[in-house]
N, C-alpha and C. Protein backbone atom coordinates (compact mmCIF):
# COMPACT_ATOMS: atom_id res chain seq x y z
N MET A 1 29.17 72.87 134.01
CA MET A 1 29.33 72.84 132.57
C MET A 1 29.80 74.19 132.03
N PHE A 2 29.30 75.29 132.57
CA PHE A 2 29.66 76.61 132.04
C PHE A 2 30.75 77.30 132.85
N GLU A 3 31.46 76.56 133.69
CA GLU A 3 32.50 77.19 134.50
C GLU A 3 33.67 77.71 133.66
N THR A 4 33.85 77.15 132.46
CA THR A 4 34.94 77.61 131.60
C THR A 4 34.48 78.66 130.58
N LEU A 5 33.22 79.07 130.66
CA LEU A 5 32.70 80.07 129.74
C LEU A 5 33.51 81.37 129.76
N PRO A 6 33.90 81.89 130.92
CA PRO A 6 34.72 83.12 130.90
C PRO A 6 36.04 82.94 130.14
N LEU A 7 36.70 81.80 130.33
CA LEU A 7 37.95 81.55 129.60
C LEU A 7 37.69 81.47 128.10
N TYR A 8 36.61 80.80 127.73
CA TYR A 8 36.24 80.72 126.32
C TYR A 8 36.05 82.12 125.74
N LEU A 9 35.32 82.96 126.45
CA LEU A 9 35.05 84.31 125.96
C LEU A 9 36.33 85.14 125.85
N VAL A 10 37.23 84.98 126.80
CA VAL A 10 38.51 85.69 126.75
C VAL A 10 39.32 85.21 125.55
N PHE A 11 39.39 83.90 125.36
CA PHE A 11 40.15 83.34 124.24
C PHE A 11 39.54 83.74 122.91
N LEU A 12 38.23 83.63 122.80
CA LEU A 12 37.58 84.00 121.55
C LEU A 12 37.78 85.48 121.26
N GLY A 13 37.60 86.32 122.27
CA GLY A 13 37.81 87.75 122.08
C GLY A 13 39.24 88.08 121.68
N THR A 14 40.19 87.42 122.33
CA THR A 14 41.61 87.65 122.00
C THR A 14 41.90 87.21 120.58
N ALA A 15 41.43 86.02 120.22
CA ALA A 15 41.69 85.50 118.87
C ALA A 15 41.02 86.35 117.80
N VAL A 16 39.78 86.73 118.02
CA VAL A 16 39.07 87.57 117.04
C VAL A 16 39.73 88.94 116.95
N GLY A 17 40.15 89.49 118.08
CA GLY A 17 40.84 90.77 118.07
C GLY A 17 42.15 90.70 117.29
N LEU A 18 42.95 89.67 117.57
CA LEU A 18 44.21 89.50 116.84
C LEU A 18 43.96 89.30 115.35
N PHE A 19 42.96 88.49 115.04
CA PHE A 19 42.61 88.23 113.64
C PHE A 19 42.25 89.54 112.94
N GLY A 20 41.41 90.34 113.58
CA GLY A 20 40.99 91.60 113.00
C GLY A 20 42.15 92.57 112.80
N ILE A 21 43.02 92.65 113.79
CA ILE A 21 44.18 93.54 113.69
C ILE A 21 45.10 93.08 112.57
N ALA A 22 45.42 91.78 112.54
CA ALA A 22 46.32 91.26 111.51
C ALA A 22 45.74 91.43 110.12
N LEU A 23 44.46 91.12 109.97
CA LEU A 23 43.83 91.27 108.66
C LEU A 23 43.80 92.75 108.25
N GLY A 24 43.55 93.63 109.23
CA GLY A 24 43.58 95.06 108.94
C GLY A 24 44.94 95.54 108.49
N ILE A 25 45.99 95.06 109.15
CA ILE A 25 47.36 95.41 108.74
C ILE A 25 47.63 94.88 107.35
N TYR A 26 47.23 93.63 107.12
CA TYR A 26 47.43 93.03 105.80
C TYR A 26 46.75 93.86 104.71
N LEU A 27 45.52 94.26 104.96
CA LEU A 27 44.79 95.06 103.97
C LEU A 27 45.45 96.42 103.74
N GLN A 28 46.15 96.94 104.75
CA GLN A 28 46.83 98.22 104.61
C GLN A 28 48.15 98.11 103.83
N ILE A 29 48.83 96.96 103.96
CA ILE A 29 50.15 96.85 103.31
C ILE A 29 50.07 96.35 101.87
N THR A 30 48.96 95.75 101.50
CA THR A 30 48.86 95.31 100.11
C THR A 30 48.64 96.53 99.21
N PRO A 31 49.25 96.52 98.04
CA PRO A 31 49.17 97.70 97.18
C PRO A 31 47.89 97.77 96.34
N TYR A 32 46.96 96.89 96.60
CA TYR A 32 45.68 96.91 95.89
C TYR A 32 44.57 96.88 96.94
N HIS A 33 43.37 97.17 96.53
CA HIS A 33 42.24 97.30 97.46
C HIS A 33 41.34 96.06 97.34
N GLU A 34 41.66 95.02 98.15
CA GLU A 34 40.97 93.74 98.02
C GLU A 34 39.45 93.86 98.12
N ILE A 35 38.97 94.58 99.10
CA ILE A 35 37.53 94.66 99.32
C ILE A 35 36.83 95.26 98.11
N ARG A 36 37.37 96.34 97.59
CA ARG A 36 36.78 96.96 96.40
C ARG A 36 36.84 96.00 95.22
N LEU A 37 37.99 95.35 95.03
CA LEU A 37 38.14 94.41 93.93
C LEU A 37 37.17 93.24 94.06
N ILE A 38 37.01 92.74 95.27
CA ILE A 38 36.09 91.63 95.50
C ILE A 38 34.67 92.07 95.18
N ARG A 39 34.30 93.25 95.60
CA ARG A 39 32.95 93.77 95.30
C ARG A 39 32.73 93.90 93.79
N GLU A 40 33.82 94.12 93.06
CA GLU A 40 33.73 94.23 91.60
C GLU A 40 33.78 92.86 90.92
N GLY A 41 33.91 91.79 91.69
CA GLY A 41 33.92 90.45 91.12
C GLY A 41 35.29 89.89 90.82
N ASN A 42 36.33 90.46 91.41
CA ASN A 42 37.69 90.01 91.16
C ASN A 42 37.99 88.73 91.95
N SER A 43 38.06 87.62 91.24
CA SER A 43 38.29 86.31 91.89
C SER A 43 39.70 86.20 92.46
N ALA A 44 40.67 86.78 91.78
CA ALA A 44 42.06 86.70 92.26
C ALA A 44 42.18 87.34 93.64
N ALA A 45 41.56 88.49 93.82
CA ALA A 45 41.60 89.17 95.12
C ALA A 45 40.86 88.35 96.18
N ALA A 46 39.75 87.75 95.80
CA ALA A 46 38.96 86.96 96.76
C ALA A 46 39.73 85.72 97.21
N VAL A 47 40.36 85.02 96.27
CA VAL A 47 41.13 83.82 96.62
C VAL A 47 42.33 84.19 97.47
N SER A 48 42.99 85.27 97.11
CA SER A 48 44.15 85.72 97.86
C SER A 48 43.79 86.09 99.29
N LEU A 49 42.78 86.91 99.45
CA LEU A 49 42.37 87.34 100.79
C LEU A 49 41.79 86.18 101.58
N GLY A 50 41.02 85.34 100.93
CA GLY A 50 40.45 84.18 101.60
C GLY A 50 41.52 83.24 102.12
N GLY A 51 42.54 82.98 101.31
CA GLY A 51 43.64 82.12 101.75
C GLY A 51 44.42 82.74 102.90
N THR A 52 44.61 84.03 102.83
CA THR A 52 45.30 84.73 103.91
C THR A 52 44.51 84.62 105.21
N ALA A 53 43.20 84.83 105.13
CA ALA A 53 42.35 84.73 106.32
C ALA A 53 42.38 83.32 106.89
N ILE A 54 42.31 82.30 106.03
CA ILE A 54 42.37 80.92 106.51
C ILE A 54 43.71 80.64 107.18
N GLY A 55 44.80 81.08 106.56
CA GLY A 55 46.12 80.87 107.15
C GLY A 55 46.23 81.52 108.53
N MET A 56 45.70 82.72 108.66
CA MET A 56 45.72 83.41 109.96
C MET A 56 44.88 82.66 110.98
N ALA A 57 43.71 82.17 110.57
CA ALA A 57 42.84 81.44 111.49
C ALA A 57 43.49 80.14 111.94
N ILE A 58 44.21 79.48 111.06
CA ILE A 58 44.91 78.24 111.43
C ILE A 58 45.94 78.53 112.53
N VAL A 59 46.68 79.61 112.37
CA VAL A 59 47.67 80.00 113.38
C VAL A 59 47.00 80.24 114.73
N LEU A 60 45.92 80.97 114.73
CA LEU A 60 45.24 81.30 115.99
C LEU A 60 44.59 80.06 116.61
N HIS A 61 44.08 79.18 115.78
CA HIS A 61 43.51 77.93 116.31
C HIS A 61 44.57 77.12 117.03
N SER A 62 45.70 76.97 116.39
CA SER A 62 46.78 76.17 116.98
C SER A 62 47.27 76.80 118.29
N THR A 63 47.42 78.10 118.28
CA THR A 63 47.89 78.79 119.48
C THR A 63 46.88 78.66 120.61
N ALA A 64 45.62 78.87 120.31
CA ALA A 64 44.58 78.80 121.34
C ALA A 64 44.43 77.39 121.90
N SER A 65 44.64 76.39 121.05
CA SER A 65 44.44 75.02 121.52
C SER A 65 45.64 74.46 122.27
N SER A 66 46.73 75.21 122.31
CA SER A 66 47.92 74.69 122.99
C SER A 66 48.27 75.45 124.27
N THR A 67 47.35 76.31 124.75
CA THR A 67 47.61 77.04 125.98
C THR A 67 46.29 77.29 126.72
N PHE A 68 46.41 77.55 128.00
CA PHE A 68 45.26 77.98 128.80
C PHE A 68 45.48 79.39 129.32
N ASN A 69 46.46 80.07 128.75
CA ASN A 69 46.84 81.39 129.21
C ASN A 69 46.56 82.40 128.09
N ALA A 70 45.69 83.35 128.33
CA ALA A 70 45.31 84.32 127.31
C ALA A 70 46.49 85.19 126.89
N LEU A 71 47.40 85.47 127.82
CA LEU A 71 48.58 86.27 127.47
C LEU A 71 49.48 85.50 126.50
N GLU A 72 49.64 84.19 126.73
CA GLU A 72 50.41 83.37 125.79
C GLU A 72 49.73 83.34 124.42
N LEU A 73 48.41 83.21 124.43
CA LEU A 73 47.67 83.23 123.17
C LEU A 73 47.95 84.52 122.42
N ALA A 74 47.89 85.64 123.12
CA ALA A 74 48.12 86.93 122.49
C ALA A 74 49.54 87.04 121.95
N ALA A 75 50.53 86.65 122.76
CA ALA A 75 51.93 86.79 122.35
C ALA A 75 52.28 85.87 121.19
N TRP A 76 52.00 84.58 121.35
CA TRP A 76 52.35 83.62 120.30
C TRP A 76 51.47 83.80 119.07
N GLY A 77 50.21 84.14 119.30
CA GLY A 77 49.33 84.40 118.16
C GLY A 77 49.81 85.58 117.35
N ALA A 78 50.22 86.64 118.02
CA ALA A 78 50.74 87.82 117.31
C ALA A 78 52.00 87.47 116.52
N LEU A 79 52.89 86.71 117.14
CA LEU A 79 54.12 86.30 116.44
C LEU A 79 53.79 85.48 115.20
N GLY A 80 52.87 84.54 115.36
CA GLY A 80 52.47 83.72 114.21
C GLY A 80 51.84 84.54 113.11
N LEU A 81 51.06 85.54 113.49
CA LEU A 81 50.40 86.38 112.49
C LEU A 81 51.39 87.28 111.76
N VAL A 82 52.44 87.69 112.44
CA VAL A 82 53.48 88.48 111.77
C VAL A 82 54.10 87.65 110.64
N SER A 83 54.37 86.38 110.92
CA SER A 83 54.96 85.55 109.87
C SER A 83 53.97 85.34 108.73
N GLN A 84 52.68 85.35 109.03
CA GLN A 84 51.68 85.26 107.96
C GLN A 84 51.75 86.48 107.05
N ILE A 85 51.94 87.63 107.64
CA ILE A 85 52.04 88.86 106.85
C ILE A 85 53.32 88.84 106.01
N LEU A 86 54.37 88.23 106.55
CA LEU A 86 55.63 88.14 105.80
C LEU A 86 55.48 87.30 104.53
N VAL A 87 54.51 86.39 104.51
CA VAL A 87 54.26 85.60 103.30
C VAL A 87 53.95 86.53 102.14
N PHE A 88 53.14 87.54 102.40
CA PHE A 88 52.80 88.49 101.34
C PHE A 88 54.07 89.14 100.79
N LEU A 89 54.96 89.54 101.69
CA LEU A 89 56.19 90.19 101.25
C LEU A 89 57.05 89.24 100.43
N LEU A 90 57.08 87.96 100.81
CA LEU A 90 57.82 86.96 100.05
C LEU A 90 57.23 86.78 98.66
N VAL A 91 55.93 86.72 98.57
CA VAL A 91 55.29 86.55 97.26
C VAL A 91 55.55 87.76 96.38
N THR A 92 55.62 88.96 96.95
CA THR A 92 55.92 90.14 96.13
C THR A 92 57.34 90.08 95.57
N LEU A 93 58.23 89.35 96.25
CA LEU A 93 59.58 89.15 95.70
C LEU A 93 59.55 88.14 94.56
N ILE A 94 58.74 87.10 94.71
CA ILE A 94 58.63 86.07 93.68
C ILE A 94 57.90 86.62 92.46
N LEU A 95 56.86 87.39 92.71
CA LEU A 95 56.03 87.98 91.64
C LEU A 95 56.03 89.50 91.77
N PRO A 96 57.04 90.16 91.22
CA PRO A 96 57.10 91.63 91.37
C PRO A 96 55.88 92.34 90.77
N ASP A 97 55.18 91.69 89.86
CA ASP A 97 54.00 92.31 89.26
C ASP A 97 52.71 91.82 89.91
N LEU A 98 52.79 91.45 91.18
CA LEU A 98 51.64 90.93 91.91
C LEU A 98 50.48 91.93 91.90
N LYS A 99 50.76 93.19 92.13
CA LYS A 99 49.70 94.21 92.15
C LYS A 99 48.93 94.20 90.84
N LYS A 100 49.64 94.22 89.74
CA LYS A 100 49.01 94.21 88.42
C LYS A 100 48.24 92.91 88.21
N GLY A 101 48.84 91.80 88.62
CA GLY A 101 48.18 90.51 88.44
C GLY A 101 46.86 90.42 89.19
N ILE A 102 46.85 90.89 90.44
CA ILE A 102 45.61 90.86 91.22
C ILE A 102 44.61 91.86 90.64
N ASN A 103 45.07 93.06 90.34
CA ASN A 103 44.16 94.06 89.75
C ASN A 103 43.57 93.60 88.43
N ASP A 104 44.36 92.85 87.65
CA ASP A 104 43.89 92.34 86.35
C ASP A 104 43.12 91.03 86.49
N ASN A 105 42.86 90.61 87.72
CA ASN A 105 42.08 89.40 88.00
C ASN A 105 42.73 88.14 87.43
N LYS A 106 44.06 88.07 87.51
CA LYS A 106 44.76 86.84 87.11
C LYS A 106 44.64 85.87 88.28
N LEU A 107 43.78 84.90 88.13
CA LEU A 107 43.46 83.99 89.22
C LEU A 107 44.69 83.25 89.72
N SER A 108 45.64 82.96 88.85
CA SER A 108 46.85 82.24 89.27
C SER A 108 47.61 83.01 90.35
N TYR A 109 47.60 84.32 90.30
CA TYR A 109 48.27 85.13 91.31
C TYR A 109 47.57 84.99 92.67
N GLY A 110 46.25 85.07 92.63
CA GLY A 110 45.49 84.93 93.86
C GLY A 110 45.62 83.54 94.46
N ILE A 111 45.61 82.53 93.60
CA ILE A 111 45.74 81.15 94.09
C ILE A 111 47.11 80.95 94.74
N LEU A 112 48.16 81.44 94.11
CA LEU A 112 49.50 81.27 94.68
C LEU A 112 49.60 81.96 96.04
N LEU A 113 49.17 83.19 96.12
CA LEU A 113 49.26 83.92 97.38
C LEU A 113 48.38 83.27 98.45
N GLY A 114 47.16 82.90 98.09
CA GLY A 114 46.27 82.25 99.04
C GLY A 114 46.82 80.91 99.51
N ALA A 115 47.33 80.11 98.58
CA ALA A 115 47.86 78.78 98.93
C ALA A 115 49.10 78.90 99.81
N LEU A 116 49.98 79.82 99.50
CA LEU A 116 51.17 80.00 100.34
C LEU A 116 50.80 80.51 101.73
N SER A 117 49.77 81.32 101.82
CA SER A 117 49.31 81.78 103.13
C SER A 117 48.74 80.64 103.96
N ILE A 118 47.98 79.76 103.32
CA ILE A 118 47.46 78.58 104.02
C ILE A 118 48.61 77.66 104.43
N ALA A 119 49.55 77.45 103.52
CA ALA A 119 50.70 76.59 103.83
C ALA A 119 51.49 77.14 105.01
N MET A 120 51.72 78.45 105.04
CA MET A 120 52.44 79.05 106.16
C MET A 120 51.63 78.92 107.44
N GLY A 121 50.32 79.02 107.34
CA GLY A 121 49.48 78.83 108.51
C GLY A 121 49.63 77.43 109.09
N ILE A 122 49.69 76.44 108.22
CA ILE A 122 49.87 75.06 108.67
C ILE A 122 51.25 74.88 109.30
N LEU A 123 52.28 75.43 108.66
CA LEU A 123 53.64 75.34 109.23
C LEU A 123 53.72 76.06 110.56
N ASN A 124 53.11 77.23 110.64
CA ASN A 124 53.06 77.97 111.90
C ASN A 124 52.35 77.15 112.97
N ALA A 125 51.25 76.54 112.60
CA ALA A 125 50.48 75.75 113.56
C ALA A 125 51.34 74.65 114.15
N GLY A 126 52.11 73.98 113.32
CA GLY A 126 52.99 72.94 113.81
C GLY A 126 54.06 73.49 114.74
N ALA A 127 54.64 74.61 114.39
CA ALA A 127 55.68 75.20 115.21
C ALA A 127 55.13 75.74 116.52
N LEU A 128 53.93 76.26 116.49
CA LEU A 128 53.33 76.86 117.69
C LEU A 128 52.74 75.84 118.64
N SER A 129 52.51 74.64 118.18
CA SER A 129 51.87 73.65 119.04
C SER A 129 52.87 72.76 119.76
N THR A 130 54.15 73.08 119.66
CA THR A 130 55.16 72.26 120.36
C THR A 130 55.35 72.72 121.79
């Protein structure tokens, strides 16, 4: 029953590591400080970051469930996560005042960014599972 435990631990560690790295990069490239804003009660920042995290997790789930090779998980997972980060850059083109909107707690900005991140995660999952 536990013969696959080592593979599980490798996959979980790889996925959590990739998730942490990607989320860390995301937090560095956004022009606002999500964690501070969330601690201050900013719903727009919470929805935005939450949607981004869900989108990233969807990508990693799809990648992990379509391979038995940890190196493939790392490579394809990283590629999928890069496209998740690109969603943020796309939204900044659509909403040039995104920083102000999130800082001012305009929930519509957070919802749009979070929803597009989840949508990209679903699209990535489909592309990565072929």
